[in-house]
Amino acid sequence: YEAFVIFELFCGAVKRFDDRVSIDSLKALHFDDSIVNEIMSNFKLCCRYMEGHIHSDKFLAAKPQLKHLQEEADRFDTLRPKLDKIKKEHGKK
């Protein structure tokens, strides 16, 4: 999700570990609340399986099963076509 946000949603305007923003890249940006909310929701679901995150006792990191990983991959795979459609509707590449 981090790479998707950096390269797809932010169109390279903001790079990880870079102290500068590519101002010229801002013209390619378009934010749509629906895709932002979906990314945030999906990322929260992924965090359940990340052992490096600090979880409360109620939400201890769970070992994912293969079906959970497939469900997550399927959710992620729907993002690019949705973002492409949003960009096309707003005349952006």
PDB file of N, CA and C in Angstrom:
ATOM      1  N   TYR A   1       0.814  -1.196   0.000  1.00  0.00           N
ATOM      2  CA  TYR A   1       0.000   0.000   0.000  1.00  0.00           C
ATOM      3  C   TYR A   1       0.857   1.259   0.000  1.00  0.00           C
ATOM      4  N   GLU A   2       1.994   1.227   0.684  1.00  0.00           N
ATOM      5  CA  GLU A   2       2.845   2.413   0.710  1.00  0.00           C
ATOM      6  C   GLU A   2       3.334   2.755  -0.692  1.00  0.00           C
ATOM      7  N   ALA A   3       3.784   1.765  -1.441  1.00  0.00           N
ATOM      8  CA  ALA A   3       4.252   2.012  -2.807  1.00  0.00           C
ATOM      9  C   ALA A   3       3.105   2.493  -3.693  1.00  0.00           C
ATOM     10  N   PHE A   4       1.921   1.941  -3.515  1.00  0.00           N
ATOM     11  CA  PHE A   4       0.760   2.375  -4.293  1.00  0.00           C
ATOM     12  C   PHE A   4       0.465   3.850  -4.032  1.00  0.00           C
ATOM     13  N   VAL A   5       0.509   4.249  -2.775  1.00  0.00           N
ATOM     14  CA  VAL A   5       0.253   5.650  -2.428  1.00  0.00           C
ATOM     15  C   VAL A   5       1.328   6.554  -3.023  1.00  0.00           C
ATOM     16  N   ILE A   6       2.597   6.177  -2.860  1.00  0.00           N
ATOM     17  CA  ILE A   6       3.701   7.010  -3.352  1.00  0.00           C
ATOM     18  C   ILE A   6       3.665   7.145  -4.873  1.00  0.00           C
ATOM     19  N   PHE A   7       3.558   6.031  -5.575  1.00  0.00           N
ATOM     20  CA  PHE A   7       3.720   6.052  -7.026  1.00  0.00           C
ATOM     21  C   PHE A   7       2.426   6.206  -7.806  1.00  0.00           C
ATOM     22  N   GLU A   8       1.321   5.715  -7.285  1.00  0.00           N
ATOM     23  CA  GLU A   8       0.060   5.778  -8.021  1.00  0.00           C
ATOM     24  C   GLU A   8      -0.796   6.963  -7.574  1.00  0.00           C
ATOM     25  N   LEU A   9      -1.075   7.050  -6.279  1.00  0.00           N
ATOM     26  CA  LEU A   9      -1.944   8.110  -5.780  1.00  0.00           C
ATOM     27  C   LEU A   9      -1.236   9.461  -5.790  1.00  0.00           C
ATOM     28  N   PHE A  10       0.014   9.497  -5.322  1.00  0.00           N
ATOM     29  CA  PHE A  10       0.771  10.749  -5.286  1.00  0.00           C
ATOM     30  C   PHE A  10       1.561  11.001  -6.564  1.00  0.00           C
ATOM     31  N   CYS A  11       1.514  10.062  -7.509  1.00  0.00           N
ATOM     32  CA  CYS A  11       2.173  10.213  -8.822  1.00  0.00           C
ATOM     33  C   CYS A  11       3.631  10.616  -8.700  1.00  0.00           C
ATOM     34  N   GLY A  12       4.319  10.134  -7.689  1.00  0.00           N
ATOM     35  CA  GLY A  12       5.735  10.420  -7.515  1.00  0.00           C
ATOM     36  C   GLY A  12       6.034  11.811  -6.982  1.00  0.00           C
ATOM     37  N   ALA A  13       5.000  12.592  -6.629  1.00  0.00           N
ATOM     38  CA  ALA A  13       5.227  13.952  -6.117  1.00  0.00           C
ATOM     39  C   ALA A  13       5.922  13.916  -4.763  1.00  0.00           C
ATOM     40  N   VAL A  14       5.623  12.906  -3.978  1.00  0.00           N
ATOM     41  CA  VAL A  14       6.237  12.733  -2.665  1.00  0.00           C
ATOM     42  C   VAL A  14       6.929  11.382  -2.674  1.00  0.00           C
ATOM     43  N   LYS A  15       8.206  11.389  -2.401  1.00  0.00           N
ATOM     44  CA  LYS A  15       8.964  10.144  -2.407  1.00  0.00           C
ATOM     45  C   LYS A  15       9.363   9.778  -0.981  1.00  0.00           C
ATOM     46  N   ARG A  16       9.433   8.514  -0.734  1.00  0.00           N
ATOM     47  CA  ARG A  16       9.809   8.031   0.583  1.00  0.00           C
ATOM     48  C   ARG A  16      11.256   8.412   0.870  1.00  0.00           C
ATOM     49  N   PHE A  17      11.523   8.869   2.061  1.00  0.00           N
ATOM     50  CA  PHE A  17      12.857   9.251   2.535  1.00  0.00           C
ATOM     51  C   PHE A  17      13.451  10.419   1.754  1.00  0.00           C
ATOM     52  N   ASP A  18      12.629  11.189   1.064  1.00  0.00           N
ATOM     53  CA  ASP A  18      13.118  12.352   0.328  1.00  0.00           C
ATOM     54  C   ASP A  18      12.592  13.594   1.032  1.00  0.00           C
ATOM     55  N   ASP A  19      13.434  14.588   1.174  1.00  0.00           N
ATOM     56  CA  ASP A  19      13.016  15.778   1.907  1.00  0.00           C
ATOM     57  C   ASP A  19      12.366  16.818   0.999  1.00  0.00           C
ATOM     58  N   ARG A  20      12.193  16.501  -0.265  1.00  0.00           N
ATOM     59  CA  ARG A  20      11.587  17.452  -1.193  1.00  0.00           C
ATOM     60  C   ARG A  20      10.339  16.867  -1.840  1.00  0.00           C
ATOM     61  N   VAL A  21       9.465  17.770  -2.253  1.00  0.00           N
ATOM     62  CA  VAL A  21       8.260  17.405  -2.989  1.00  0.00           C
ATOM     63  C   VAL A  21       8.457  17.850  -4.426  1.00  0.00           C
ATOM     64  N   SER A  22       8.094  17.016  -5.366  1.00  0.00           N
ATOM     65  CA  SER A  22       8.182  17.375  -6.783  1.00  0.00           C
ATOM     66  C   SER A  22       6.959  18.217  -7.137  1.00  0.00           C
ATOM     67  N   ILE A  23       7.127  19.527  -7.086  1.00  0.00           N
ATOM     68  CA  ILE A  23       6.010  20.441  -7.308  1.00  0.00           C
ATOM     69  C   ILE A  23       5.385  20.233  -8.688  1.00  0.00           C
ATOM     70  N   ASP A  24       6.200  20.020  -9.703  1.00  0.00           N
ATOM     71  CA  ASP A  24       5.669  19.810 -11.056  1.00  0.00           C
ATOM     72  C   ASP A  24       4.772  18.579 -11.139  1.00  0.00           C
ATOM     73  N   SER A  25       4.990  17.621 -10.276  1.00  0.00           N
ATOM     74  CA  SER A  25       4.175  16.401 -10.292  1.00  0.00           C
ATOM     75  C   SER A  25       2.793  16.617  -9.692  1.00  0.00           C
ATOM     76  N   LEU A  26       2.608  17.705  -8.981  1.00  0.00           N
ATOM     77  CA  LEU A  26       1.324  17.940  -8.319  1.00  0.00           C
ATOM     78  C   LEU A  26       0.169  18.048  -9.310  1.00  0.00           C
ATOM     79  N   LYS A  27       0.443  18.487 -10.533  1.00  0.00           N
ATOM     80  CA  LYS A  27      -0.635  18.626 -11.519  1.00  0.00           C
ATOM     81  C   LYS A  27      -1.257  17.278 -11.884  1.00  0.00           C
ATOM     82  N   ALA A  28      -0.542  16.196 -11.642  1.00  0.00           N
ATOM     83  CA  ALA A  28      -1.057  14.863 -11.957  1.00  0.00           C
ATOM     84  C   ALA A  28      -1.916  14.288 -10.833  1.00  0.00           C
ATOM     85  N   LEU A  29      -1.959  14.967  -9.694  1.00  0.00           N
ATOM     86  CA  LEU A  29      -2.683  14.434  -8.546  1.00  0.00           C
ATOM     87  C   LEU A  29      -4.176  14.692  -8.646  1.00  0.00           C
ATOM     88  N   HIS A  30      -4.923  13.737  -8.185  1.00  0.00           N
ATOM     89  CA  HIS A  30      -6.357  13.920  -7.979  1.00  0.00           C
ATOM     90  C   HIS A  30      -6.752  13.018  -6.826  1.00  0.00           C
ATOM     91  N   PHE A  31      -7.317  13.607  -5.819  1.00  0.00           N
ATOM     92  CA  PHE A  31      -7.737  12.819  -4.674  1.00  0.00           C
ATOM     93  C   PHE A  31      -9.237  12.607  -4.728  1.00  0.00           C
ATOM     94  N   ASP A  32      -9.604  11.422  -4.456  1.00  0.00           N
ATOM     95  CA  ASP A  32     -11.001  11.045  -4.394  1.00  0.00           C
ATOM     96  C   ASP A  32     -11.185  10.348  -3.055  1.00  0.00           C
ATOM     97  N   ASP A  33     -12.106  10.845  -2.262  1.00  0.00           N
ATOM     98  CA  ASP A  33     -12.287  10.294  -0.917  1.00  0.00           C
ATOM     99  C   ASP A  33     -12.546   8.796  -0.921  1.00  0.00           C
ATOM    100  N   SER A  34     -13.238   8.300  -1.934  1.00  0.00           N
ATOM    101  CA  SER A  34     -13.576   6.875  -1.930  1.00  0.00           C
ATOM    102  C   SER A  34     -12.326   6.008  -2.006  1.00  0.00           C
ATOM    103  N   ILE A  35     -11.368   6.377  -2.855  1.00  0.00           N
ATOM    104  CA  ILE A  35     -10.165   5.545  -2.977  1.00  0.00           C
ATOM    105  C   ILE A  35      -9.261   5.727  -1.767  1.00  0.00           C
ATOM    106  N   VAL A  36      -9.187   6.947  -1.242  1.00  0.00           N
ATOM    107  CA  VAL A  36      -8.389   7.191  -0.038  1.00  0.00           C
ATOM    108  C   VAL A  36      -8.950   6.379   1.122  1.00  0.00           C
ATOM    109  N   ASN A  37     -10.257   6.393   1.292  1.00  0.00           N
ATOM    110  CA  ASN A  37     -10.883   5.629   2.376  1.00  0.00           C
ATOM    111  C   ASN A  37     -10.669   4.130   2.204  1.00  0.00           C
ATOM    112  N   GLU A  38     -10.718   3.657   0.966  1.00  0.00           N
ATOM    113  CA  GLU A  38     -10.499   2.230   0.715  1.00  0.00           C
ATOM    114  C   GLU A  38      -9.063   1.831   1.041  1.00  0.00           C
ATOM    115  N   ILE A  39      -8.100   2.661   0.649  1.00  0.00           N
ATOM    116  CA  ILE A  39      -6.697   2.383   0.961  1.00  0.00           C
ATOM    117  C   ILE A  39      -6.499   2.330   2.468  1.00  0.00           C
ATOM    118  N   MET A  40      -7.056   3.310   3.174  1.00  0.00           N
ATOM    119  CA  MET A  40      -6.890   3.349   4.632  1.00  0.00           C
ATOM    120  C   MET A  40      -7.525   2.133   5.290  1.00  0.00           C
ATOM    121  N   SER A  41      -8.702   1.773   4.851  1.00  0.00           N
ATOM    122  CA  SER A  41      -9.393   0.615   5.414  1.00  0.00           C
ATOM    123  C   SER A  41      -8.617  -0.675   5.150  1.00  0.00           C
ATOM    124  N   ASN A  42      -8.160  -0.854   3.918  1.00  0.00           N
ATOM    125  CA  ASN A  42      -7.409  -2.063   3.571  1.00  0.00           C
ATOM    126  C   ASN A  42      -6.091  -2.138   4.329  1.00  0.00           C
ATOM    127  N   PHE A  43      -5.414  -1.002   4.469  1.00  0.00           N
ATOM    128  CA  PHE A  43      -4.140  -0.995   5.184  1.00  0.00           C
ATOM    129  C   PHE A  43      -4.344  -1.368   6.652  1.00  0.00           C
ATOM    130  N   LYS A  44      -5.418  -0.880   7.246  1.00  0.00           N
ATOM    131  CA  LYS A  44      -5.716  -1.242   8.641  1.00  0.00           C
ATOM    132  C   LYS A  44      -5.909  -2.751   8.774  1.00  0.00           C
ATOM    133  N   LEU A  45      -6.569  -3.346   7.793  1.00  0.00           N
ATOM    134  CA  LEU A  45      -6.757  -4.800   7.818  1.00  0.00           C
ATOM    135  C   LEU A  45      -5.416  -5.515   7.732  1.00  0.00           C
ATOM    136  N   CYS A  46      -4.521  -5.006   6.890  1.00  0.00           N
ATOM    137  CA  CYS A  46      -3.189  -5.619   6.750  1.00  0.00           C
ATOM    138  C   CYS A  46      -2.401  -5.537   8.049  1.00  0.00           C
ATOM    139  N   CYS A  47      -2.581  -4.458   8.770  1.00  0.00           N
ATOM    140  CA  CYS A  47      -1.806  -4.248   9.997  1.00  0.00           C
ATOM    141  C   CYS A  47      -2.039  -5.355  11.023  1.00  0.00           C
ATOM    142  N   ARG A  48      -3.160  -6.045  10.914  1.00  0.00           N
ATOM    143  CA  ARG A  48      -3.423  -7.153  11.842  1.00  0.00           C
ATOM    144  C   ARG A  48      -2.355  -8.223  11.740  1.00  0.00           C
ATOM    145  N   TYR A  49      -1.741  -8.340  10.564  1.00  0.00           N
ATOM    146  CA  TYR A  49      -0.788  -9.411  10.320  1.00  0.00           C
ATOM    147  C   TYR A  49       0.662  -8.968  10.425  1.00  0.00           C
ATOM    148  N   MET A  50       0.898  -7.721  10.750  1.00  0.00           N
ATOM    149  CA  MET A  50       2.265  -7.201  10.824  1.00  0.00           C
ATOM    150  C   MET A  50       2.775  -7.311  12.249  1.00  0.00           C
ATOM    151  N   GLU A  51       3.713  -8.193  12.461  1.00  0.00           N
ATOM    152  CA  GLU A  51       4.228  -8.431  13.807  1.00  0.00           C
ATOM    153  C   GLU A  51       4.981  -7.233  14.358  1.00  0.00           C
ATOM    154  N   GLY A  52       5.529  -6.390  13.503  1.00  0.00           N
ATOM    155  CA  GLY A  52       6.282  -5.229  13.960  1.00  0.00           C
ATOM    156  C   GLY A  52       5.405  -4.130  14.533  1.00  0.00           C
ATOM    157  N   HIS A  53       4.105  -4.209  14.309  1.00  0.00           N
ATOM    158  CA  HIS A  53       3.189  -3.220  14.859  1.00  0.00           C
ATOM    159  C   HIS A  53       2.858  -3.597  16.298  1.00  0.00           C
ATOM    160  N   ILE A  54       2.650  -2.599  17.118  1.00  0.00           N
ATOM    161  CA  ILE A  54       2.278  -2.854  18.512  1.00  0.00           C
ATOM    162  C   ILE A  54       0.762  -2.972  18.567  1.00  0.00           C
ATOM    163  N   HIS A  55       0.294  -4.114  18.987  1.00  0.00           N
ATOM    164  CA  HIS A  55      -1.135  -4.376  19.073  1.00  0.00           C
ATOM    165  C   HIS A  55      -1.556  -4.429  20.534  1.00  0.00           C
ATOM    166  N   SER A  56      -2.813  -4.049  20.791  1.00  0.00           N
ATOM    167  CA  SER A  56      -3.344  -4.227  22.134  1.00  0.00           C
ATOM    168  C   SER A  56      -3.567  -5.723  22.337  1.00  0.00           C
ATOM    169  N   ASP A  57      -3.749  -6.119  23.584  1.00  0.00           N
ATOM    170  CA  ASP A  57      -3.986  -7.538  23.863  1.00  0.00           C
ATOM    171  C   ASP A  57      -5.215  -8.050  23.113  1.00  0.00           C
ATOM    172  N   LYS A  58      -6.190  -7.163  22.932  1.00  0.00           N
ATOM    173  CA  LYS A  58      -7.423  -7.557  22.255  1.00  0.00           C
ATOM    174  C   LYS A  58      -7.176  -7.866  20.776  1.00  0.00           C
ATOM    175  N   PHE A  59      -6.189  -7.183  20.188  1.00  0.00           N
ATOM    176  CA  PHE A  59      -5.928  -7.341  18.762  1.00  0.00           C
ATOM    177  C   PHE A  59      -4.497  -7.794  18.511  1.00  0.00           C
ATOM    178  N   LEU A  60      -4.083  -8.846  19.170  1.00  0.00           N
ATOM    179  CA  LEU A  60      -2.733  -9.358  18.971  1.00  0.00           C
ATOM    180  C   LEU A  60      -2.525  -9.752  17.511  1.00  0.00           C
ATOM    181  N   ALA A  61      -1.305  -9.599  17.045  1.00  0.00           N
ATOM    182  CA  ALA A  61      -0.997  -9.962  15.660  1.00  0.00           C
ATOM    183  C   ALA A  61      -1.364 -11.423  15.426  1.00  0.00           C
ATOM    184  N   ALA A  62      -2.096 -11.651  14.369  1.00  0.00           N
ATOM    185  CA  ALA A  62      -2.535 -13.005  14.044  1.00  0.00           C
ATOM    186  C   ALA A  62      -1.749 -13.509  12.844  1.00  0.00           C
ATOM    187  N   LYS A  63      -1.428 -14.764  12.867  1.00  0.00           N
ATOM    188  CA  LYS A  63      -0.769 -15.370  11.714  1.00  0.00           C
ATOM    189  C   LYS A  63      -1.808 -15.499  10.603  1.00  0.00           C
ATOM    190  N   PRO A  64      -1.527 -14.924   9.445  1.00  0.00           N
ATOM    191  CA  PRO A  64      -2.517 -15.000   8.371  1.00  0.00           C
ATOM    192  C   PRO A  64      -2.573 -16.399   7.772  1.00  0.00           C
ATOM    193  N   GLN A  65      -3.750 -16.766   7.373  1.00  0.00           N
ATOM    194  CA  GLN A  65      -3.920 -18.006   6.636  1.00  0.00           C
ATOM    195  C   GLN A  65      -3.866 -17.668   5.153  1.00  0.00           C
ATOM    196  N   LEU A  66      -3.619 -18.648   4.331  1.00  0.00           N
ATOM    197  CA  LEU A  66      -3.495 -18.436   2.894  1.00  0.00           C
ATOM    198  C   LEU A  66      -4.723 -17.728   2.327  1.00  0.00           C
ATOM    199  N   LYS A  67      -5.905 -18.092   2.796  1.00  0.00           N
ATOM    200  CA  LYS A  67      -7.123 -17.460   2.268  1.00  0.00           C
ATOM    201  C   LYS A  67      -7.159 -15.979   2.616  1.00  0.00           C
ATOM    202  N   HIS A  68      -6.624 -15.597   3.799  1.00  0.00           N
ATOM    203  CA  HIS A  68      -6.585 -14.183   4.176  1.00  0.00           C
ATOM    204  C   HIS A  68      -5.631 -13.407   3.272  1.00  0.00           C
ATOM    205  N   LEU A  69      -4.493 -13.999   2.968  1.00  0.00           N
ATOM    206  CA  LEU A  69      -3.533 -13.349   2.077  1.00  0.00           C
ATOM    207  C   LEU A  69      -4.116 -13.193   0.673  1.00  0.00           C
ATOM    208  N   GLN A  70      -4.839 -14.197   0.204  1.00  0.00           N
ATOM    209  CA  GLN A  70      -5.469 -14.108  -1.118  1.00  0.00           C
ATOM    210  C   GLN A  70      -6.540 -13.028  -1.134  1.00  0.00           C
ATOM    211  N   GLU A  71      -7.336 -12.955  -0.064  1.00  0.00           N
ATOM    212  CA  GLU A  71      -8.360 -11.910   0.027  1.00  0.00           C
ATOM    213  C   GLU A  71      -7.717 -10.533  -0.019  1.00  0.00           C
ATOM    214  N   GLU A  72      -6.599 -10.376   0.691  1.00  0.00           N
ATOM    215  CA  GLU A  72      -5.900  -9.089   0.700  1.00  0.00           C
ATOM    216  C   GLU A  72      -5.331  -8.765  -0.671  1.00  0.00           C
ATOM    217  N   ALA A  73      -4.730  -9.743  -1.329  1.00  0.00           N
ATOM    218  CA  ALA A  73      -4.190  -9.528  -2.676  1.00  0.00           C
ATOM    219  C   ALA A  73      -5.312  -9.133  -3.639  1.00  0.00           C
ATOM    220  N   ASP A  74      -6.457  -9.771  -3.510  1.00  0.00           N
ATOM    221  CA  ASP A  74      -7.600  -9.445  -4.369  1.00  0.00           C
ATOM    222  C   ASP A  74      -8.084  -8.018  -4.119  1.00  0.00           C
ATOM    223  N   ARG A  75      -8.158  -7.616  -2.841  1.00  0.00           N
ATOM    224  CA  ARG A  75      -8.561  -6.239  -2.512  1.00  0.00           C
ATOM    225  C   ARG A  75      -7.582  -5.241  -3.112  1.00  0.00           C
ATOM    226  N   PHE A  76      -6.279  -5.525  -2.955  1.00  0.00           N
ATOM    227  CA  PHE A  76      -5.260  -4.619  -3.475  1.00  0.00           C
ATOM    228  C   PHE A  76      -5.343  -4.515  -5.000  1.00  0.00           C
ATOM    229  N   ASP A  77      -5.564  -5.643  -5.658  1.00  0.00           N
ATOM    230  CA  ASP A  77      -5.604  -5.660  -7.124  1.00  0.00           C
ATOM    231  C   ASP A  77      -6.755  -4.842  -7.703  1.00  0.00           C
ATOM    232  N   THR A  78      -7.763  -4.533  -6.903  1.00  0.00           N
ATOM    233  CA  THR A  78      -8.879  -3.724  -7.404  1.00  0.00           C
ATOM    234  C   THR A  78      -8.567  -2.231  -7.370  1.00  0.00           C
ATOM    235  N   LEU A  79      -7.514  -1.831  -6.663  1.00  0.00           N
ATOM    236  CA  LEU A  79      -7.240  -0.402  -6.492  1.00  0.00           C
ATOM    237  C   LEU A  79      -6.792   0.296  -7.773  1.00  0.00           C
ATOM    238  N   ARG A  80      -5.848  -0.264  -8.495  1.00  0.00           N
ATOM    239  CA  ARG A  80      -5.310   0.420  -9.683  1.00  0.00           C
ATOM    240  C   ARG A  80      -6.403   0.695 -10.718  1.00  0.00           C
ATOM    241  N   PRO A  81      -7.248  -0.287 -11.073  1.00  0.00           N
ATOM    242  CA  PRO A  81      -8.319   0.027 -12.033  1.00  0.00           C
ATOM    243  C   PRO A  81      -9.259   1.125 -11.524  1.00  0.00           C
ATOM    244  N   LYS A  82      -9.534   1.134 -10.229  1.00  0.00           N
ATOM    245  CA  LYS A  82     -10.396   2.183  -9.673  1.00  0.00           C
ATOM    246  C   LYS A  82      -9.726   3.547  -9.787  1.00  0.00           C
ATOM    247  N   LEU A  83      -8.435   3.620  -9.457  1.00  0.00           N
ATOM    248  CA  LEU A  83      -7.718   4.887  -9.554  1.00  0.00           C
ATOM    249  C   LEU A  83      -7.594   5.319 -11.013  1.00  0.00           C
ATOM    250  N   ASP A  84      -7.329   4.382 -11.917  1.00  0.00           N
ATOM    251  CA  ASP A  84      -7.254   4.706 -13.343  1.00  0.00           C
ATOM    252  C   ASP A  84      -8.570   5.305 -13.835  1.00  0.00           C
ATOM    253  N   LYS A  85      -9.684   4.740 -13.393  1.00  0.00           N
ATOM    254  CA  LYS A  85     -11.004   5.247 -13.784  1.00  0.00           C
ATOM    255  C   LYS A  85     -11.202   6.666 -13.261  1.00  0.00           C
ATOM    256  N   ILE A  86     -10.824   6.910 -12.015  1.00  0.00           N
ATOM    257  CA  ILE A  86     -10.957   8.245 -11.423  1.00  0.00           C
ATOM    258  C   ILE A  86     -10.110   9.249 -12.199  1.00  0.00           C
ATOM    259  N   LYS A  87      -8.872   8.870 -12.515  1.00  0.00           N
ATOM    260  CA  LYS A  87      -7.988   9.771 -13.265  1.00  0.00           C
ATOM    261  C   LYS A  87      -8.561  10.053 -14.654  1.00  0.00           C
ATOM    262  N   LYS A  88      -9.089   9.025 -15.303  1.00  0.00           N
ATOM    263  CA  LYS A  88      -9.651   9.190 -16.645  1.00  0.00           C
ATOM    264  C   LYS A  88     -10.849  10.135 -16.609  1.00  0.00           C
ATOM    265  N   GLU A  89     -11.688   9.989 -15.576  1.00  0.00           N
ATOM    266  CA  GLU A  89     -12.857  10.855 -15.439  1.00  0.00           C
ATOM    267  C   GLU A  89     -12.459  12.317 -15.264  1.00  0.00           C
ATOM    268  N   HIS A  90     -11.264  12.545 -14.736  1.00  0.00           N
ATOM    269  CA  HIS A  90     -10.796  13.909 -14.488  1.00  0.00           C
ATOM    270  C   HIS A  90      -9.734  14.341 -15.493  1.00  0.00           C
ATOM    271  N   GLY A  91      -9.575  13.573 -16.568  1.00  0.00           N
ATOM    272  CA  GLY A  91      -8.653  13.938 -17.638  1.00  0.00           C
ATOM    273  C   GLY A  91      -7.190  13.873 -17.262  1.00  0.00           C
ATOM    274  N   LYS A  92      -6.837  12.983 -16.333  1.00  0.00           N
ATOM    275  CA  LYS A  92      -5.437  12.841 -15.914  1.00  0.00           C
ATOM    276  C   LYS A  92      -4.926  11.492 -16.364  1.00  0.00           C
ATOM    277  N   LYS A  93      -3.609  11.426 -16.577  1.00  0.00           N
ATOM    278  CA  LYS A  93      -2.991  10.165 -17.005  1.00  0.00           C
ATOM    279  C   LYS A  93      -2.522   9.370 -15.824  1.00  0.00           C
TER     280      LYS A  93
END
